[in-house]
Amino acid sequence: MLKVVIAGGFGAGKTTAVRAVSEITPLSTEEYLTEASCGVDSLDGIAAKKTTTVAFDFGRLSLSAPVPMELFLFGTPGQDRFVDLWYDLSRGAVGAIVLVDTRRLEAGFTPLGFFEDIGLPFVVAVNEFDAAHRYHPEQVRTALELPAHVPVIAMDARDPNHVAGVLLALVGHVVSTADPVPPASATSRQDAG
């Protein structure tokens, strides 16, 4: 069983991604946007957005490849004012997906900095919205100033196959960046020596 965090800026598609792949009815804390959020939550580029996550989304996905695993998916609220909650949602996670929207790329900097600061491995998924310009993943990497080892993957958060593919890429990335554990016999020799 692995815990995965799905983060990103306001309106990046986190709730949609959790809903797309969850094999259970996802827990969602979506609420309607109100006039109280005017001037606080910018709707530039996402004017059709009517709801927002106010706590977190939760879903579950079982995968059989490369090995059987059950993923517990926690989608964060996207507004910067909820960063304190991200710490709680990230506790015990093996890695994170940072969803970015090229129409509002600057909204990706806060979650990227957050996961870099806490040392949690992450991949970047570029959610290809219908009205968004398509950029090559390397162009997005350059714009976000990401190191070469961080995977950048184009996806559609509405497509279960795309989301599952990004989750598998995250698991592969986590495994490839994990510190190798010396075999028990090597540890015993070091202790004896």
N, C-alpha and C. Protein backbone atom coordinates (compact mmCIF):
# COMPACT_ATOMS: atom_id res chain seq x y z
N MET A 1 0.85 -1.17 0.00
CA MET A 1 0.00 0.00 0.00
C MET A 1 0.89 1.24 0.00
N LEU A 2 0.62 2.15 -0.91
CA LEU A 2 1.42 3.36 -1.05
C LEU A 2 0.52 4.58 -1.03
N LYS A 3 0.95 5.59 -0.30
CA LYS A 3 0.23 6.87 -0.25
C LYS A 3 0.87 7.81 -1.25
N VAL A 4 0.03 8.43 -2.08
CA VAL A 4 0.49 9.37 -3.10
C VAL A 4 -0.29 10.67 -2.94
N VAL A 5 0.41 11.78 -3.04
CA VAL A 5 -0.23 13.10 -2.98
C VAL A 5 -0.33 13.64 -4.40
N ILE A 6 -1.49 14.20 -4.72
CA ILE A 6 -1.68 14.86 -6.01
C ILE A 6 -1.90 16.34 -5.70
N ALA A 7 -0.95 17.15 -6.10
CA ALA A 7 -0.97 18.57 -5.78
C ALA A 7 -0.90 19.40 -7.06
N GLY A 8 -1.00 20.69 -6.89
CA GLY A 8 -0.93 21.60 -8.03
C GLY A 8 -1.67 22.87 -7.68
N GLY A 9 -1.58 23.82 -8.56
CA GLY A 9 -2.23 25.09 -8.34
C GLY A 9 -3.75 24.99 -8.41
N PHE A 10 -4.39 26.06 -8.02
CA PHE A 10 -5.85 26.20 -8.05
C PHE A 10 -6.35 25.93 -9.47
N GLY A 11 -7.24 24.94 -9.62
CA GLY A 11 -7.82 24.66 -10.93
C GLY A 11 -6.97 23.82 -11.84
N ALA A 12 -5.92 23.16 -11.34
CA ALA A 12 -5.02 22.38 -12.21
C ALA A 12 -5.58 21.02 -12.60
N GLY A 13 -6.61 20.53 -11.90
CA GLY A 13 -7.22 19.26 -12.28
C GLY A 13 -7.02 18.13 -11.29
N LYS A 14 -6.70 18.45 -10.05
CA LYS A 14 -6.42 17.42 -9.04
C LYS A 14 -7.64 16.57 -8.73
N THR A 15 -8.77 17.21 -8.48
CA THR A 15 -10.00 16.47 -8.19
C THR A 15 -10.40 15.61 -9.37
N THR A 16 -10.27 16.14 -10.56
CA THR A 16 -10.59 15.39 -11.78
C THR A 16 -9.72 14.15 -11.90
N ALA A 17 -8.43 14.28 -11.61
CA ALA A 17 -7.51 13.14 -11.70
C ALA A 17 -7.87 12.05 -10.70
N VAL A 18 -8.16 12.44 -9.46
CA VAL A 18 -8.55 11.45 -8.45
C VAL A 18 -9.82 10.74 -8.89
N ARG A 19 -10.81 11.50 -9.35
CA ARG A 19 -12.08 10.90 -9.79
C ARG A 19 -11.88 9.97 -10.98
N ALA A 20 -10.96 10.31 -11.87
CA ALA A 20 -10.76 9.52 -13.09
C ALA A 20 -10.29 8.11 -12.80
N VAL A 21 -9.49 7.92 -11.76
CA VAL A 21 -8.89 6.59 -11.54
C VAL A 21 -9.39 5.87 -10.30
N SER A 22 -10.07 6.53 -9.41
CA SER A 22 -10.45 5.89 -8.16
C SER A 22 -11.45 4.76 -8.41
N GLU A 23 -11.15 3.60 -7.83
CA GLU A 23 -12.05 2.46 -7.97
C GLU A 23 -13.12 2.46 -6.87
N ILE A 24 -13.05 3.41 -5.97
CA ILE A 24 -14.10 3.62 -4.99
C ILE A 24 -14.72 4.98 -5.29
N THR A 25 -15.89 5.23 -4.75
CA THR A 25 -16.45 6.57 -4.88
C THR A 25 -15.54 7.51 -4.11
N PRO A 26 -14.89 8.45 -4.79
CA PRO A 26 -13.92 9.29 -4.09
C PRO A 26 -14.57 10.18 -3.03
N LEU A 27 -13.82 10.37 -1.96
CA LEU A 27 -14.21 11.37 -0.97
C LEU A 27 -13.79 12.71 -1.55
N SER A 28 -14.71 13.64 -1.62
CA SER A 28 -14.41 14.94 -2.20
C SER A 28 -14.96 16.03 -1.29
N THR A 29 -14.19 17.06 -1.12
CA THR A 29 -14.63 18.19 -0.30
C THR A 29 -14.80 19.43 -1.18
N GLU A 30 -15.42 19.23 -2.33
CA GLU A 30 -15.67 20.33 -3.25
C GLU A 30 -16.80 21.20 -2.73
N GLU A 31 -16.59 22.49 -2.78
CA GLU A 31 -17.62 23.46 -2.41
C GLU A 31 -17.70 24.51 -3.51
N TYR A 32 -18.86 25.13 -3.63
CA TYR A 32 -19.04 26.19 -4.62
C TYR A 32 -18.20 27.40 -4.26
N LEU A 33 -17.62 28.01 -5.28
CA LEU A 33 -16.93 29.28 -5.08
C LEU A 33 -17.96 30.34 -4.72
N THR A 34 -17.60 31.22 -3.83
CA THR A 34 -18.53 32.28 -3.42
C THR A 34 -17.90 33.64 -3.70
N GLU A 35 -18.68 34.66 -3.52
CA GLU A 35 -18.17 36.01 -3.72
C GLU A 35 -17.09 36.35 -2.71
N ALA A 36 -17.06 35.66 -1.58
CA ALA A 36 -16.02 35.90 -0.58
C ALA A 36 -14.62 35.58 -1.12
N SER A 37 -14.56 34.71 -2.13
CA SER A 37 -13.25 34.36 -2.68
C SER A 37 -12.81 35.30 -3.81
N CYS A 38 -13.70 36.18 -4.24
CA CYS A 38 -13.34 37.16 -5.27
C CYS A 38 -12.20 38.03 -4.75
N GLY A 39 -11.20 38.20 -5.55
CA GLY A 39 -10.05 38.98 -5.14
C GLY A 39 -9.03 38.16 -4.36
N VAL A 40 -9.42 36.97 -3.91
CA VAL A 40 -8.50 36.08 -3.20
C VAL A 40 -8.04 34.97 -4.14
N ASP A 41 -8.98 34.34 -4.84
CA ASP A 41 -8.69 33.26 -5.77
C ASP A 41 -8.89 33.76 -7.19
N SER A 42 -7.80 33.94 -7.91
CA SER A 42 -7.88 34.44 -9.28
C SER A 42 -8.45 33.36 -10.20
N LEU A 43 -9.41 33.74 -11.00
CA LEU A 43 -9.99 32.84 -11.98
C LEU A 43 -9.47 33.11 -13.39
N ASP A 44 -8.38 33.88 -13.49
CA ASP A 44 -7.79 34.14 -14.80
C ASP A 44 -7.42 32.82 -15.47
N GLY A 45 -7.94 32.58 -16.64
CA GLY A 45 -7.66 31.36 -17.38
C GLY A 45 -8.56 30.20 -17.03
N ILE A 46 -9.33 30.33 -15.94
CA ILE A 46 -10.24 29.24 -15.53
C ILE A 46 -11.60 29.82 -15.12
N ALA A 47 -12.09 30.75 -15.89
CA ALA A 47 -13.32 31.48 -15.54
C ALA A 47 -14.52 30.57 -15.38
N ALA A 48 -14.53 29.39 -16.00
CA ALA A 48 -15.67 28.48 -15.90
C ALA A 48 -15.67 27.68 -14.60
N LYS A 49 -14.62 27.78 -13.81
CA LYS A 49 -14.53 27.00 -12.57
C LYS A 49 -15.60 27.47 -11.59
N LYS A 50 -16.37 26.54 -11.05
CA LYS A 50 -17.47 26.87 -10.14
C LYS A 50 -17.27 26.31 -8.73
N THR A 51 -16.38 25.30 -8.58
CA THR A 51 -16.16 24.69 -7.27
C THR A 51 -14.67 24.62 -6.97
N THR A 52 -14.35 24.37 -5.70
CA THR A 52 -12.95 24.22 -5.30
C THR A 52 -12.87 23.24 -4.13
N THR A 53 -11.74 22.57 -4.00
CA THR A 53 -11.50 21.66 -2.89
C THR A 53 -11.16 22.48 -1.66
N VAL A 54 -11.83 22.19 -0.55
CA VAL A 54 -11.59 22.96 0.66
C VAL A 54 -10.83 22.18 1.73
N ALA A 55 -10.64 20.88 1.54
CA ALA A 55 -9.83 20.09 2.48
C ALA A 55 -8.94 19.15 1.69
N PHE A 56 -9.51 18.08 1.16
CA PHE A 56 -8.74 17.17 0.30
C PHE A 56 -9.69 16.25 -0.43
N ASP A 57 -9.15 15.57 -1.44
CA ASP A 57 -9.87 14.51 -2.14
C ASP A 57 -9.17 13.21 -1.78
N PHE A 58 -9.91 12.11 -1.75
CA PHE A 58 -9.31 10.81 -1.47
C PHE A 58 -9.88 9.78 -2.42
N GLY A 59 -8.99 8.98 -2.97
CA GLY A 59 -9.39 7.86 -3.82
C GLY A 59 -8.43 6.71 -3.65
N ARG A 60 -8.78 5.58 -4.22
CA ARG A 60 -7.94 4.39 -4.13
C ARG A 60 -7.87 3.73 -5.50
N LEU A 61 -6.68 3.23 -5.83
CA LEU A 61 -6.47 2.54 -7.10
C LEU A 61 -5.57 1.34 -6.88
N SER A 62 -6.00 0.19 -7.35
CA SER A 62 -5.17 -1.02 -7.30
C SER A 62 -4.54 -1.22 -8.68
N LEU A 63 -3.25 -1.47 -8.69
CA LEU A 63 -2.51 -1.72 -9.92
C LEU A 63 -1.85 -3.09 -9.83
N SER A 64 -1.73 -3.76 -10.97
CA SER A 64 -1.11 -5.08 -10.96
C SER A 64 0.29 -5.08 -11.55
N ALA A 65 0.68 -4.00 -12.23
CA ALA A 65 2.00 -3.97 -12.86
C ALA A 65 2.74 -2.74 -12.37
N PRO A 66 4.03 -2.78 -12.20
CA PRO A 66 4.93 -3.92 -12.39
C PRO A 66 4.79 -4.98 -11.30
N VAL A 67 4.31 -4.58 -10.11
CA VAL A 67 3.99 -5.53 -9.04
C VAL A 67 2.63 -5.10 -8.47
N PRO A 68 1.88 -6.02 -7.88
CA PRO A 68 0.60 -5.61 -7.31
C PRO A 68 0.80 -4.54 -6.22
N MET A 69 0.01 -3.48 -6.31
CA MET A 69 0.08 -2.42 -5.31
C MET A 69 -1.25 -1.71 -5.22
N GLU A 70 -1.51 -1.17 -4.05
CA GLU A 70 -2.70 -0.38 -3.83
C GLU A 70 -2.25 1.04 -3.52
N LEU A 71 -2.76 1.98 -4.29
CA LEU A 71 -2.38 3.38 -4.11
C LEU A 71 -3.52 4.13 -3.44
N PHE A 72 -3.18 4.85 -2.38
CA PHE A 72 -4.12 5.75 -1.72
C PHE A 72 -3.80 7.15 -2.20
N LEU A 73 -4.76 7.78 -2.85
CA LEU A 73 -4.55 9.06 -3.52
C LEU A 73 -5.15 10.19 -2.69
N PHE A 74 -4.32 11.18 -2.37
CA PHE A 74 -4.76 12.34 -1.61
C PHE A 74 -4.56 13.58 -2.46
N GLY A 75 -5.64 14.20 -2.91
CA GLY A 75 -5.57 15.44 -3.67
C GLY A 75 -5.64 16.63 -2.74
N THR A 76 -4.72 17.55 -2.91
CA THR A 76 -4.64 18.72 -2.03
C THR A 76 -5.53 19.85 -2.56
N PRO A 77 -5.91 20.78 -1.68
CA PRO A 77 -6.49 22.02 -2.19
C PRO A 77 -5.38 22.81 -2.88
N GLY A 78 -5.72 23.59 -3.88
CA GLY A 78 -4.69 24.23 -4.68
C GLY A 78 -4.23 25.61 -4.25
N GLN A 79 -5.01 26.28 -3.43
CA GLN A 79 -4.64 27.64 -3.06
C GLN A 79 -3.46 27.65 -2.09
N ASP A 80 -2.57 28.63 -2.28
CA ASP A 80 -1.37 28.74 -1.45
C ASP A 80 -1.70 28.84 0.04
N ARG A 81 -2.86 29.38 0.39
CA ARG A 81 -3.20 29.54 1.81
C ARG A 81 -3.40 28.20 2.52
N PHE A 82 -3.47 27.10 1.76
CA PHE A 82 -3.65 25.78 2.36
C PHE A 82 -2.34 24.99 2.49
N VAL A 83 -1.21 25.64 2.29
CA VAL A 83 0.07 24.94 2.35
C VAL A 83 0.25 24.21 3.68
N ASP A 84 -0.18 24.77 4.78
CA ASP A 84 -0.05 24.08 6.07
C ASP A 84 -0.73 22.72 6.05
N LEU A 85 -1.86 22.60 5.37
CA LEU A 85 -2.55 21.33 5.25
C LEU A 85 -1.75 20.34 4.41
N TRP A 86 -0.99 20.84 3.45
CA TRP A 86 -0.19 19.96 2.59
C TRP A 86 0.79 19.13 3.42
N TYR A 87 1.33 19.72 4.50
CA TYR A 87 2.25 18.97 5.35
C TYR A 87 1.57 17.72 5.91
N ASP A 88 0.35 17.89 6.41
CA ASP A 88 -0.39 16.75 6.96
C ASP A 88 -0.71 15.72 5.88
N LEU A 89 -1.15 16.19 4.73
CA LEU A 89 -1.50 15.26 3.65
C LEU A 89 -0.27 14.53 3.11
N SER A 90 0.90 15.12 3.22
CA SER A 90 2.13 14.51 2.70
C SER A 90 2.79 13.54 3.66
N ARG A 91 2.40 13.59 4.92
CA ARG A 91 3.01 12.71 5.93
C ARG A 91 2.77 11.25 5.55
N GLY A 92 3.86 10.49 5.41
CA GLY A 92 3.76 9.07 5.07
C GLY A 92 3.66 8.78 3.59
N ALA A 93 3.63 9.82 2.75
CA ALA A 93 3.53 9.60 1.30
C ALA A 93 4.88 9.15 0.73
N VAL A 94 4.82 8.33 -0.32
CA VAL A 94 6.05 7.90 -1.00
C VAL A 94 6.46 8.88 -2.09
N GLY A 95 5.50 9.67 -2.56
CA GLY A 95 5.80 10.62 -3.63
C GLY A 95 4.58 11.45 -3.97
N ALA A 96 4.79 12.36 -4.91
CA ALA A 96 3.71 13.28 -5.29
C ALA A 96 3.69 13.49 -6.80
N ILE A 97 2.51 13.80 -7.27
CA ILE A 97 2.32 14.28 -8.64
C ILE A 97 1.99 15.76 -8.51
N VAL A 98 2.72 16.59 -9.23
CA VAL A 98 2.40 18.01 -9.28
C VAL A 98 1.75 18.27 -10.64
N LEU A 99 0.46 18.56 -10.62
CA LEU A 99 -0.26 18.89 -11.85
C LEU A 99 -0.04 20.35 -12.18
N VAL A 100 0.28 20.63 -13.42
CA VAL A 100 0.42 22.01 -13.86
C VAL A 100 -0.47 22.27 -15.06
N ASP A 101 -0.90 23.49 -15.17
CA ASP A 101 -1.77 23.97 -16.23
C ASP A 101 -0.98 25.05 -16.97
N THR A 102 -0.70 24.84 -18.25
CA THR A 102 0.13 25.79 -18.98
C THR A 102 -0.53 27.16 -19.14
N ARG A 103 -1.83 27.24 -18.91
CA ARG A 103 -2.51 28.55 -18.96
C ARG A 103 -2.18 29.37 -17.72
N ARG A 104 -1.75 28.69 -16.66
CA ARG A 104 -1.44 29.34 -15.38
C ARG A 104 -0.20 28.68 -14.79
N LEU A 105 0.85 28.62 -15.54
CA LEU A 105 2.05 27.87 -15.15
C LEU A 105 2.64 28.36 -13.84
N GLU A 106 2.52 29.66 -13.56
CA GLU A 106 3.09 30.22 -12.32
C GLU A 106 2.48 29.59 -11.07
N ALA A 107 1.27 29.03 -11.17
CA ALA A 107 0.62 28.40 -10.02
C ALA A 107 1.33 27.11 -9.62
N GLY A 108 2.20 26.60 -10.48
CA GLY A 108 2.94 25.37 -10.16
C GLY A 108 4.14 25.59 -9.27
N PHE A 109 4.62 26.83 -9.14
CA PHE A 109 5.84 27.05 -8.38
C PHE A 109 5.70 26.74 -6.89
N THR A 110 4.58 27.08 -6.29
CA THR A 110 4.42 26.82 -4.85
C THR A 110 4.45 25.32 -4.54
N PRO A 111 3.66 24.47 -5.23
CA PRO A 111 3.75 23.04 -4.91
C PRO A 111 5.11 22.44 -5.25
N LEU A 112 5.75 22.89 -6.32
CA LEU A 112 7.08 22.38 -6.65
C LEU A 112 8.08 22.71 -5.54
N GLY A 113 8.06 23.96 -5.09
CA GLY A 113 8.95 24.36 -4.01
C GLY A 113 8.66 23.61 -2.72
N PHE A 114 7.38 23.36 -2.46
CA PHE A 114 6.98 22.64 -1.26
C PHE A 114 7.61 21.24 -1.24
N PHE A 115 7.43 20.48 -2.33
CA PHE A 115 7.95 19.11 -2.34
C PHE A 115 9.47 19.07 -2.38
N GLU A 116 10.09 20.05 -3.04
CA GLU A 116 11.56 20.14 -2.97
C GLU A 116 12.01 20.38 -1.54
N ASP A 117 11.33 21.28 -0.83
CA ASP A 117 11.70 21.62 0.55
C ASP A 117 11.56 20.44 1.50
N ILE A 118 10.49 19.64 1.35
CA ILE A 118 10.31 18.52 2.28
C ILE A 118 11.01 17.25 1.79
N GLY A 119 11.60 17.30 0.60
CA GLY A 119 12.37 16.16 0.10
C GLY A 119 11.53 14.99 -0.38
N LEU A 120 10.29 15.24 -0.78
CA LEU A 120 9.43 14.17 -1.28
C LEU A 120 9.60 14.06 -2.79
N PRO A 121 9.95 12.87 -3.31
CA PRO A 121 10.08 12.72 -4.77
C PRO A 121 8.77 13.06 -5.47
N PHE A 122 8.87 13.68 -6.64
CA PHE A 122 7.66 14.05 -7.38
C PHE A 122 7.92 13.98 -8.87
N VAL A 123 6.82 13.86 -9.61
CA VAL A 123 6.83 14.01 -11.06
C VAL A 123 5.92 15.18 -11.38
N VAL A 124 6.11 15.77 -12.54
CA VAL A 124 5.26 16.86 -12.99
C VAL A 124 4.39 16.34 -14.13
N ALA A 125 3.09 16.52 -13.99
CA ALA A 125 2.13 16.13 -15.03
C ALA A 125 1.51 17.39 -15.60
N VAL A 126 1.69 17.59 -16.89
CA VAL A 126 1.14 18.76 -17.57
C VAL A 126 -0.27 18.39 -18.03
N ASN A 127 -1.27 18.95 -17.36
CA ASN A 127 -2.66 18.65 -17.69
C ASN A 127 -3.02 19.41 -18.96
N GLU A 128 -3.31 18.68 -20.01
CA GLU A 128 -3.58 19.29 -21.32
C GLU A 128 -5.06 19.64 -21.45
N PHE A 129 -5.40 20.82 -20.94
CA PHE A 129 -6.77 21.31 -21.05
C PHE A 129 -7.11 21.58 -22.50
N ASP A 130 -8.41 21.49 -22.82
CA ASP A 130 -8.85 21.67 -24.21
C ASP A 130 -8.41 23.00 -24.81
N ALA A 131 -8.48 24.09 -24.05
CA ALA A 131 -8.17 25.41 -24.60
C ALA A 131 -6.71 25.82 -24.41
N ALA A 132 -5.89 24.93 -23.86
CA ALA A 132 -4.50 25.29 -23.56
C ALA A 132 -3.59 24.98 -24.74
N HIS A 133 -2.58 25.82 -24.91
CA HIS A 133 -1.55 25.57 -25.91
C HIS A 133 -0.74 24.35 -25.48
N ARG A 134 -0.35 23.51 -26.42
CA ARG A 134 0.45 22.32 -26.13
C ARG A 134 1.94 22.67 -26.21
N TYR A 135 2.66 22.37 -25.14
CA TYR A 135 4.09 22.58 -25.08
C TYR A 135 4.77 21.24 -24.92
N HIS A 136 5.94 21.11 -25.49
CA HIS A 136 6.74 19.90 -25.30
C HIS A 136 7.15 19.84 -23.82
N PRO A 137 7.18 18.64 -23.22
CA PRO A 137 7.57 18.54 -21.80
C PRO A 137 8.90 19.22 -21.47
N GLU A 138 9.84 19.22 -22.40
CA GLU A 138 11.13 19.88 -22.13
C GLU A 138 10.98 21.40 -22.05
N GLN A 139 10.01 21.96 -22.80
CA GLN A 139 9.74 23.39 -22.69
C GLN A 139 9.16 23.71 -21.31
N VAL A 140 8.30 22.84 -20.82
CA VAL A 140 7.72 23.03 -19.49
C VAL A 140 8.82 22.88 -18.43
N ARG A 141 9.70 21.89 -18.59
CA ARG A 141 10.82 21.71 -17.66
C ARG A 141 11.65 22.99 -17.57
N THR A 142 11.96 23.57 -18.72
CA THR A 142 12.76 24.80 -18.75
C THR A 142 12.02 25.95 -18.06
N ALA A 143 10.73 26.10 -18.38
CA ALA A 143 9.94 27.19 -17.79
C ALA A 143 9.84 27.06 -16.28
N LEU A 144 9.76 25.83 -15.78
CA LEU A 144 9.63 25.61 -14.33
C LEU A 144 10.98 25.42 -13.64
N GLU A 145 12.06 25.48 -14.42
CA GLU A 145 13.42 25.34 -13.90
C GLU A 145 13.59 24.03 -13.13
N LEU A 146 13.12 22.94 -13.73
CA LEU A 146 13.19 21.63 -13.10
C LEU A 146 14.49 20.92 -13.43
N PRO A 147 15.06 20.20 -12.47
CA PRO A 147 16.26 19.41 -12.77
C PRO A 147 15.94 18.27 -13.73
N ALA A 148 16.96 17.77 -14.39
CA ALA A 148 16.79 16.75 -15.42
C ALA A 148 16.21 15.45 -14.88
N HIS A 149 16.42 15.14 -13.60
CA HIS A 149 15.94 13.86 -13.07
C HIS A 149 14.44 13.84 -12.75
N VAL A 150 13.77 14.99 -12.77
CA VAL A 150 12.34 15.03 -12.48
C VAL A 150 11.56 14.76 -13.77
N PRO A 151 10.78 13.67 -13.81
CA PRO A 151 9.99 13.39 -15.01
C PRO A 151 8.91 14.45 -15.24
N VAL A 152 8.73 14.83 -16.50
CA VAL A 152 7.67 15.75 -16.91
C VAL A 152 6.86 15.02 -17.98
N ILE A 153 5.56 14.84 -17.70
CA ILE A 153 4.71 13.99 -18.53
C ILE A 153 3.45 14.75 -18.92
N ALA A 154 3.08 14.70 -20.19
CA ALA A 154 1.82 15.29 -20.65
C ALA A 154 0.70 14.31 -20.37
N MET A 155 -0.45 14.82 -19.92
CA MET A 155 -1.59 13.94 -19.64
C MET A 155 -2.89 14.70 -19.72
N ASP A 156 -3.98 13.94 -19.74
CA ASP A 156 -5.32 14.49 -19.65
C ASP A 156 -5.91 13.93 -18.35
N ALA A 157 -6.16 14.79 -17.36
CA ALA A 157 -6.62 14.35 -16.04
C ALA A 157 -7.99 13.66 -16.10
N ARG A 158 -8.70 13.79 -17.20
CA ARG A 158 -10.00 13.13 -17.34
C ARG A 158 -9.87 11.68 -17.78
N ASP A 159 -8.69 11.31 -18.30
CA ASP A 159 -8.48 9.99 -18.88
C ASP A 159 -7.85 9.04 -17.86
N PRO A 160 -8.59 8.01 -17.42
CA PRO A 160 -8.04 7.09 -16.42
C PRO A 160 -6.71 6.47 -16.83
N ASN A 161 -6.54 6.16 -18.11
CA ASN A 161 -5.28 5.56 -18.56
C ASN A 161 -4.12 6.54 -18.43
N HIS A 162 -4.35 7.81 -18.73
CA HIS A 162 -3.30 8.82 -18.58
C HIS A 162 -2.90 8.96 -17.12
N VAL A 163 -3.90 9.07 -16.24
CA VAL A 163 -3.61 9.26 -14.82
C VAL A 163 -2.89 8.04 -14.26
N ALA A 164 -3.35 6.84 -14.61
CA ALA A 164 -2.68 5.61 -14.15
C ALA A 164 -1.24 5.56 -14.66
N GLY A 165 -1.02 6.00 -15.89
CA GLY A 165 0.34 6.04 -16.44
C GLY A 165 1.25 6.97 -15.66
N VAL A 166 0.73 8.12 -15.26
CA VAL A 166 1.52 9.06 -14.46
C VAL A 166 1.79 8.47 -13.08
N LEU A 167 0.81 7.80 -12.49
CA LEU A 167 1.03 7.15 -11.19
C LEU A 167 2.12 6.09 -11.29
N LEU A 168 2.11 5.30 -12.36
CA LEU A 168 3.17 4.30 -12.55
C LEU A 168 4.53 4.97 -12.75
N ALA A 169 4.54 6.09 -13.48
CA ALA A 169 5.80 6.83 -13.66
C ALA A 169 6.30 7.34 -12.33
N LEU A 170 5.40 7.80 -11.47
CA LEU A 170 5.81 8.27 -10.14
C LEU A 170 6.41 7.13 -9.34
N VAL A 171 5.76 5.98 -9.32
CA VAL A 171 6.29 4.83 -8.57
C VAL A 171 7.68 4.46 -9.09
N GLY A 172 7.85 4.43 -10.40
CA GLY A 172 9.16 4.15 -10.99
C GLY A 172 10.20 5.18 -10.59
N HIS A 173 9.80 6.44 -10.57
CA HIS A 173 10.71 7.53 -10.18
C HIS A 173 11.10 7.39 -8.71
N VAL A 174 10.13 7.06 -7.85
CA VAL A 174 10.42 6.89 -6.42
C VAL A 174 11.42 5.75 -6.22
N VAL A 175 11.20 4.65 -6.92
CA VAL A 175 12.10 3.50 -6.80
C VAL A 175 13.50 3.87 -7.30
N SER A 176 13.58 4.61 -8.40
CA SER A 176 14.89 4.95 -8.96
C SER A 176 15.66 5.96 -8.12
N THR A 177 14.94 6.75 -7.31
CA THR A 177 15.63 7.76 -6.50
C THR A 177 15.85 7.31 -5.06
N ALA A 178 15.33 6.13 -4.71
CA ALA A 178 15.47 5.63 -3.34
C ALA A 178 16.92 5.29 -3.04
N ASP A 179 17.34 5.55 -1.80
CA ASP A 179 18.68 5.16 -1.39
C ASP A 179 18.75 3.65 -1.32
N PRO A 180 19.77 3.07 -1.97
CA PRO A 180 19.87 1.61 -1.92
C PRO A 180 20.18 1.14 -0.50
N VAL A 181 19.55 0.05 -0.11
CA VAL A 181 19.79 -0.54 1.20
C VAL A 181 20.80 -1.67 1.00
N PRO A 182 21.90 -1.66 1.76
CA PRO A 182 22.88 -2.72 1.56
C PRO A 182 22.29 -4.07 1.96
N PRO A 183 22.70 -5.16 1.27
CA PRO A 183 22.20 -6.48 1.64
C PRO A 183 22.56 -6.78 3.09
N ALA A 184 21.78 -7.65 3.73
CA ALA A 184 22.01 -7.99 5.14
C ALA A 184 23.41 -8.52 5.38
N SER A 185 23.93 -9.33 4.45
CA SER A 185 25.27 -9.89 4.64
C SER A 185 26.33 -8.81 4.59
N ALA A 186 26.12 -7.76 3.76
CA ALA A 186 27.09 -6.67 3.68
C ALA A 186 27.04 -5.86 4.98
N THR A 187 25.85 -5.66 5.53
CA THR A 187 25.71 -4.93 6.78
C THR A 187 26.39 -5.69 7.90
N SER A 188 26.22 -7.01 7.93
CA SER A 188 26.84 -7.82 8.97
C SER A 188 28.36 -7.74 8.90
N ARG A 189 28.89 -7.76 7.69
CA ARG A 189 30.35 -7.68 7.52
C ARG A 189 30.87 -6.32 8.00
N GLN A 190 30.10 -5.25 7.69
CA GLN A 190 30.52 -3.92 8.13
C GLN A 190 30.52 -3.80 9.62
N ASP A 191 29.49 -4.37 10.27
CA ASP A 191 29.42 -4.31 11.73
C ASP A 191 30.55 -5.12 12.37
N ALA A 192 30.88 -6.26 11.76
CA ALA A 192 31.92 -7.13 12.33
C ALA A 192 33.30 -6.55 12.12
N GLY A 193 33.47 -5.78 11.05
CA GLY A 193 34.80 -5.30 10.68
C GLY A 193 35.21 -4.14 11.46
